[in-house]
Amino acid sequence: MPYPMDTVFEGVESRRRLSKRQIGYGAWKEGLSVERVGDGLVVDGERYEPVSE
């Protein structure tokens, strides 16, 4: 399922919050590795899950 651009993801370990827009920009501009895993993402080795606000 694709997420809207304003979806917020939270790191499972770091609790850092990133929007889908920030993750996309980081992958495009800074070369972050991003993979879709289950219902979340793995960004540079850390799993991020969508957060409902």
PDB file of N, CA and C in Angstrom:
ATOM      1  N   MET A   1       0.831  -1.170   0.000  1.00  0.00           N
ATOM      2  CA  MET A   1       0.000   0.000   0.000  1.00  0.00           C
ATOM      3  C   MET A   1       0.885   1.247   0.000  1.00  0.00           C
ATOM      4  N   PRO A   2       0.700   2.140  -0.945  1.00  0.00           N
ATOM      5  CA  PRO A   2       1.480   3.380  -0.952  1.00  0.00           C
ATOM      6  C   PRO A   2       1.004   4.328   0.157  1.00  0.00           C
ATOM      7  N   TYR A   3       1.946   5.023   0.744  1.00  0.00           N
ATOM      8  CA  TYR A   3       1.627   5.978   1.802  1.00  0.00           C
ATOM      9  C   TYR A   3       1.573   7.393   1.230  1.00  0.00           C
ATOM     10  N   PRO A   4       0.670   8.256   1.753  1.00  0.00           N
ATOM     11  CA  PRO A   4       0.664   9.664   1.327  1.00  0.00           C
ATOM     12  C   PRO A   4       1.970  10.342   1.759  1.00  0.00           C
ATOM     13  N   MET A   5       2.323  11.453   1.099  1.00  0.00           N
ATOM     14  CA  MET A   5       3.582  12.143   1.380  1.00  0.00           C
ATOM     15  C   MET A   5       3.659  12.684   2.808  1.00  0.00           C
ATOM     16  N   ASP A   6       2.529  12.919   3.462  1.00  0.00           N
ATOM     17  CA  ASP A   6       2.578  13.465   4.815  1.00  0.00           C
ATOM     18  C   ASP A   6       2.582  12.382   5.902  1.00  0.00           C
ATOM     19  N   THR A   7       2.725  11.119   5.528  1.00  0.00           N
ATOM     20  CA  THR A   7       2.800  10.034   6.501  1.00  0.00           C
ATOM     21  C   THR A   7       4.069  10.192   7.334  1.00  0.00           C
ATOM     22  N   VAL A   8       3.949   9.981   8.644  1.00  0.00           N
ATOM     23  CA  VAL A   8       5.087  10.071   9.552  1.00  0.00           C
ATOM     24  C   VAL A   8       5.482   8.663   9.964  1.00  0.00           C
ATOM     25  N   PHE A   9       6.785   8.397   9.942  1.00  0.00           N
ATOM     26  CA  PHE A   9       7.339   7.113  10.354  1.00  0.00           C
ATOM     27  C   PHE A   9       8.208   7.328  11.583  1.00  0.00           C
ATOM     28  N   GLU A  10       8.191   6.349  12.492  1.00  0.00           N
ATOM     29  CA  GLU A  10       9.005   6.439  13.700  1.00  0.00           C
ATOM     30  C   GLU A  10       9.974   5.269  13.743  1.00  0.00           C
ATOM     31  N   GLY A  11      11.230   5.575  14.065  1.00  0.00           N
ATOM     32  CA  GLY A  11      12.257   4.548  14.178  1.00  0.00           C
ATOM     33  C   GLY A  11      11.987   3.641  15.364  1.00  0.00           C
ATOM     34  N   VAL A  12      12.078   2.348  15.167  1.00  0.00           N
ATOM     35  CA  VAL A  12      11.791   1.388  16.229  1.00  0.00           C
ATOM     36  C   VAL A  12      12.814   1.528  17.349  1.00  0.00           C
ATOM     37  N   GLU A  13      14.081   1.704  17.025  1.00  0.00           N
ATOM     38  CA  GLU A  13      15.128   1.803  18.039  1.00  0.00           C
ATOM     39  C   GLU A  13      15.366   3.241  18.496  1.00  0.00           C
ATOM     40  N   SER A  14      15.478   4.171  17.570  1.00  0.00           N
ATOM     41  CA  SER A  14      15.850   5.550  17.912  1.00  0.00           C
ATOM     42  C   SER A  14      14.667   6.423  18.305  1.00  0.00           C
ATOM     43  N   ARG A  15      13.458   6.024  17.950  1.00  0.00           N
ATOM     44  CA  ARG A  15      12.239   6.804  18.165  1.00  0.00           C
ATOM     45  C   ARG A  15      12.257   8.109  17.379  1.00  0.00           C
ATOM     46  N   ARG A  16      13.175   8.245  16.444  1.00  0.00           N
ATOM     47  CA  ARG A  16      13.261   9.426  15.593  1.00  0.00           C
ATOM     48  C   ARG A  16      12.091   9.400  14.617  1.00  0.00           C
ATOM     49  N   ARG A  17      11.474  10.557  14.395  1.00  0.00           N
ATOM     50  CA  ARG A  17      10.342  10.637  13.473  1.00  0.00           C
ATOM     51  C   ARG A  17      10.766  11.312  12.175  1.00  0.00           C
ATOM     52  N   LEU A  18      10.372  10.703  11.075  1.00  0.00           N
ATOM     53  CA  LEU A  18      10.646  11.233   9.745  1.00  0.00           C
ATOM     54  C   LEU A  18       9.380  11.142   8.908  1.00  0.00           C
ATOM     55  N   SER A  19       9.149  12.136   8.092  1.00  0.00           N
ATOM     56  CA  SER A  19       8.017  12.074   7.177  1.00  0.00           C
ATOM     57  C   SER A  19       8.445  11.316   5.922  1.00  0.00           C
ATOM     58  N   LYS A  20       7.468  10.857   5.180  1.00  0.00           N
ATOM     59  CA  LYS A  20       7.781  10.169   3.929  1.00  0.00           C
ATOM     60  C   LYS A  20       8.531  11.117   2.998  1.00  0.00           C
ATOM     61  N   ARG A  21       8.201  12.386   3.040  1.00  0.00           N
ATOM     62  CA  ARG A  21       8.868  13.396   2.220  1.00  0.00           C
ATOM     63  C   ARG A  21      10.357  13.497   2.595  1.00  0.00           C
ATOM     64  N   GLN A  22      10.667  13.498   3.904  1.00  0.00           N
ATOM     65  CA  GLN A  22      12.060  13.564   4.351  1.00  0.00           C
ATOM     66  C   GLN A  22      12.833  12.314   3.935  1.00  0.00           C
ATOM     67  N   ILE A  23      12.204  11.169   4.055  1.00  0.00           N
ATOM     68  CA  ILE A  23      12.855   9.912   3.678  1.00  0.00           C
ATOM     69  C   ILE A  23      13.126   9.906   2.180  1.00  0.00           C
ATOM     70  N   GLY A  24      12.149  10.311   1.389  1.00  0.00           N
ATOM     71  CA  GLY A  24      12.319  10.357  -0.063  1.00  0.00           C
ATOM     72  C   GLY A  24      13.419  11.317  -0.467  1.00  0.00           C
ATOM     73  N   TYR A  25      13.467  12.489   0.169  1.00  0.00           N
ATOM     74  CA  TYR A  25      14.506  13.471  -0.149  1.00  0.00           C
ATOM     75  C   TYR A  25      15.881  12.925   0.225  1.00  0.00           C
ATOM     76  N   GLY A  26      15.979  12.278   1.385  1.00  0.00           N
ATOM     77  CA  GLY A  26      17.250  11.699   1.819  1.00  0.00           C
ATOM     78  C   GLY A  26      17.735  10.612   0.873  1.00  0.00           C
ATOM     79  N   ALA A  27      16.815   9.815   0.387  1.00  0.00           N
ATOM     80  CA  ALA A  27      17.182   8.752  -0.548  1.00  0.00           C
ATOM     81  C   ALA A  27      17.645   9.343  -1.879  1.00  0.00           C
ATOM     82  N   TRP A  28      16.965  10.400  -2.315  1.00  0.00           N
ATOM     83  CA  TRP A  28      17.284  11.016  -3.606  1.00  0.00           C
ATOM     84  C   TRP A  28      18.559  11.844  -3.529  1.00  0.00           C
ATOM     85  N   LYS A  29      18.649  12.709  -2.524  1.00  0.00           N
ATOM     86  CA  LYS A  29      19.733  13.680  -2.479  1.00  0.00           C
ATOM     87  C   LYS A  29      20.966  13.169  -1.730  1.00  0.00           C
ATOM     88  N   GLU A  30      20.765  12.416  -0.665  1.00  0.00           N
ATOM     89  CA  GLU A  30      21.867  12.004   0.194  1.00  0.00           C
ATOM     90  C   GLU A  30      22.241  10.537   0.041  1.00  0.00           C
ATOM     91  N   GLY A  31      21.504   9.796  -0.775  1.00  0.00           N
ATOM     92  CA  GLY A  31      21.835   8.398  -1.022  1.00  0.00           C
ATOM     93  C   GLY A  31      21.484   7.437   0.103  1.00  0.00           C
ATOM     94  N   LEU A  32      20.504   7.784   0.947  1.00  0.00           N
ATOM     95  CA  LEU A  32      20.068   6.853   1.985  1.00  0.00           C
ATOM     96  C   LEU A  32      19.491   5.602   1.347  1.00  0.00           C
ATOM     97  N   SER A  33      19.776   4.460   1.944  1.00  0.00           N
ATOM     98  CA  SER A  33      19.160   3.238   1.427  1.00  0.00           C
ATOM     99  C   SER A  33      17.796   3.074   2.097  1.00  0.00           C
ATOM    100  N   VAL A  34      16.776   2.832   1.279  1.00  0.00           N
ATOM    101  CA  VAL A  34      15.403   2.691   1.773  1.00  0.00           C
ATOM    102  C   VAL A  34      14.802   1.442   1.147  1.00  0.00           C
ATOM    103  N   GLU A  35      14.245   0.574   1.997  1.00  0.00           N
ATOM    104  CA  GLU A  35      13.568  -0.631   1.523  1.00  0.00           C
ATOM    105  C   GLU A  35      12.206  -0.713   2.192  1.00  0.00           C
ATOM    106  N   ARG A  36      11.245  -1.217   1.460  1.00  0.00           N
ATOM    107  CA  ARG A  36       9.921  -1.466   2.034  1.00  0.00           C
ATOM    108  C   ARG A  36       9.947  -2.871   2.647  1.00  0.00           C
ATOM    109  N   VAL A  37       9.539  -2.963   3.915  1.00  0.00           N
ATOM    110  CA  VAL A  37       9.512  -4.241   4.621  1.00  0.00           C
ATOM    111  C   VAL A  37       8.193  -4.342   5.371  1.00  0.00           C
ATOM    112  N   GLY A  38       7.378  -5.290   4.983  1.00  0.00           N
ATOM    113  CA  GLY A  38       6.069  -5.448   5.629  1.00  0.00           C
ATOM    114  C   GLY A  38       5.259  -4.179   5.516  1.00  0.00           C
ATOM    115  N   ASP A  39       4.835  -3.629   6.667  1.00  0.00           N
ATOM    116  CA  ASP A  39       4.039  -2.397   6.640  1.00  0.00           C
ATOM    117  C   ASP A  39       4.884  -1.166   6.948  1.00  0.00           C
ATOM    118  N   GLY A  40       6.207  -1.308   6.974  1.00  0.00           N
ATOM    119  CA  GLY A  40       7.081  -0.184   7.279  1.00  0.00           C
ATOM    120  C   GLY A  40       8.215  -0.060   6.283  1.00  0.00           C
ATOM    121  N   LEU A  41       9.258   0.645   6.701  1.00  0.00           N
ATOM    122  CA  LEU A  41      10.426   0.877   5.863  1.00  0.00           C
ATOM    123  C   LEU A  41      11.689   0.593   6.658  1.00  0.00           C
ATOM    124  N   VAL A  42      12.751   0.243   5.965  1.00  0.00           N
ATOM    125  CA  VAL A  42      14.071   0.161   6.572  1.00  0.00           C
ATOM    126  C   VAL A  42      14.884   1.270   5.929  1.00  0.00           C
ATOM    127  N   VAL A  43      15.302   2.245   6.755  1.00  0.00           N
ATOM    128  CA  VAL A  43      16.055   3.398   6.287  1.00  0.00           C
ATOM    129  C   VAL A  43      17.449   3.312   6.880  1.00  0.00           C
ATOM    130  N   ASP A  44      18.449   3.123   6.027  1.00  0.00           N
ATOM    131  CA  ASP A  44      19.840   2.983   6.469  1.00  0.00           C
ATOM    132  C   ASP A  44      19.993   1.985   7.615  1.00  0.00           C
ATOM    133  N   GLY A  45      19.320   0.866   7.508  1.00  0.00           N
ATOM    134  CA  GLY A  45      19.478  -0.218   8.474  1.00  0.00           C
ATOM    135  C   GLY A  45      18.547  -0.174   9.668  1.00  0.00           C
ATOM    136  N   GLU A  46      17.784   0.895   9.861  1.00  0.00           N
ATOM    137  CA  GLU A  46      16.851   0.969  10.974  1.00  0.00           C
ATOM    138  C   GLU A  46      15.423   0.853  10.480  1.00  0.00           C
ATOM    139  N   ARG A  47      14.633   0.078  11.181  1.00  0.00           N
ATOM    140  CA  ARG A  47      13.244  -0.106  10.789  1.00  0.00           C
ATOM    141  C   ARG A  47      12.402   1.072  11.269  1.00  0.00           C
ATOM    142  N   TYR A  48      11.556   1.565  10.387  1.00  0.00           N
ATOM    143  CA  TYR A  48      10.623   2.659  10.667  1.00  0.00           C
ATOM    144  C   TYR A  48       9.215   2.169  10.405  1.00  0.00           C
ATOM    145  N   GLU A  49       8.325   2.450  11.350  1.00  0.00           N
ATOM    146  CA  GLU A  49       6.920   2.045  11.239  1.00  0.00           C
ATOM    147  C   GLU A  49       6.045   3.288  11.100  1.00  0.00           C
ATOM    148  N   PRO A  50       4.947   3.208  10.337  1.00  0.00           N
ATOM    149  CA  PRO A  50       4.057   4.365  10.240  1.00  0.00           C
ATOM    150  C   PRO A  50       3.385   4.659  11.581  1.00  0.00           C
ATOM    151  N   VAL A  51       3.221   5.937  11.860  1.00  0.00           N
ATOM    152  CA  VAL A  51       2.616   6.373  13.123  1.00  0.00           C
ATOM    153  C   VAL A  51       1.315   7.075  12.799  1.00  0.00           C
ATOM    154  N   SER A  52       0.269   6.751  13.539  1.00  0.00           N
ATOM    155  CA  SER A  52      -0.988   7.479  13.346  1.00  0.00           C
ATOM    156  C   SER A  52      -1.017   8.611  14.349  1.00  0.00           C
ATOM    157  N   GLU A  53      -1.231   9.803  13.864  1.00  0.00           N
ATOM    158  CA  GLU A  53      -1.191  10.986  14.725  1.00  0.00           C
ATOM    159  C   GLU A  53      -2.568  11.412  15.126  1.00  0.00           C
TER     160      GLU A  53
END
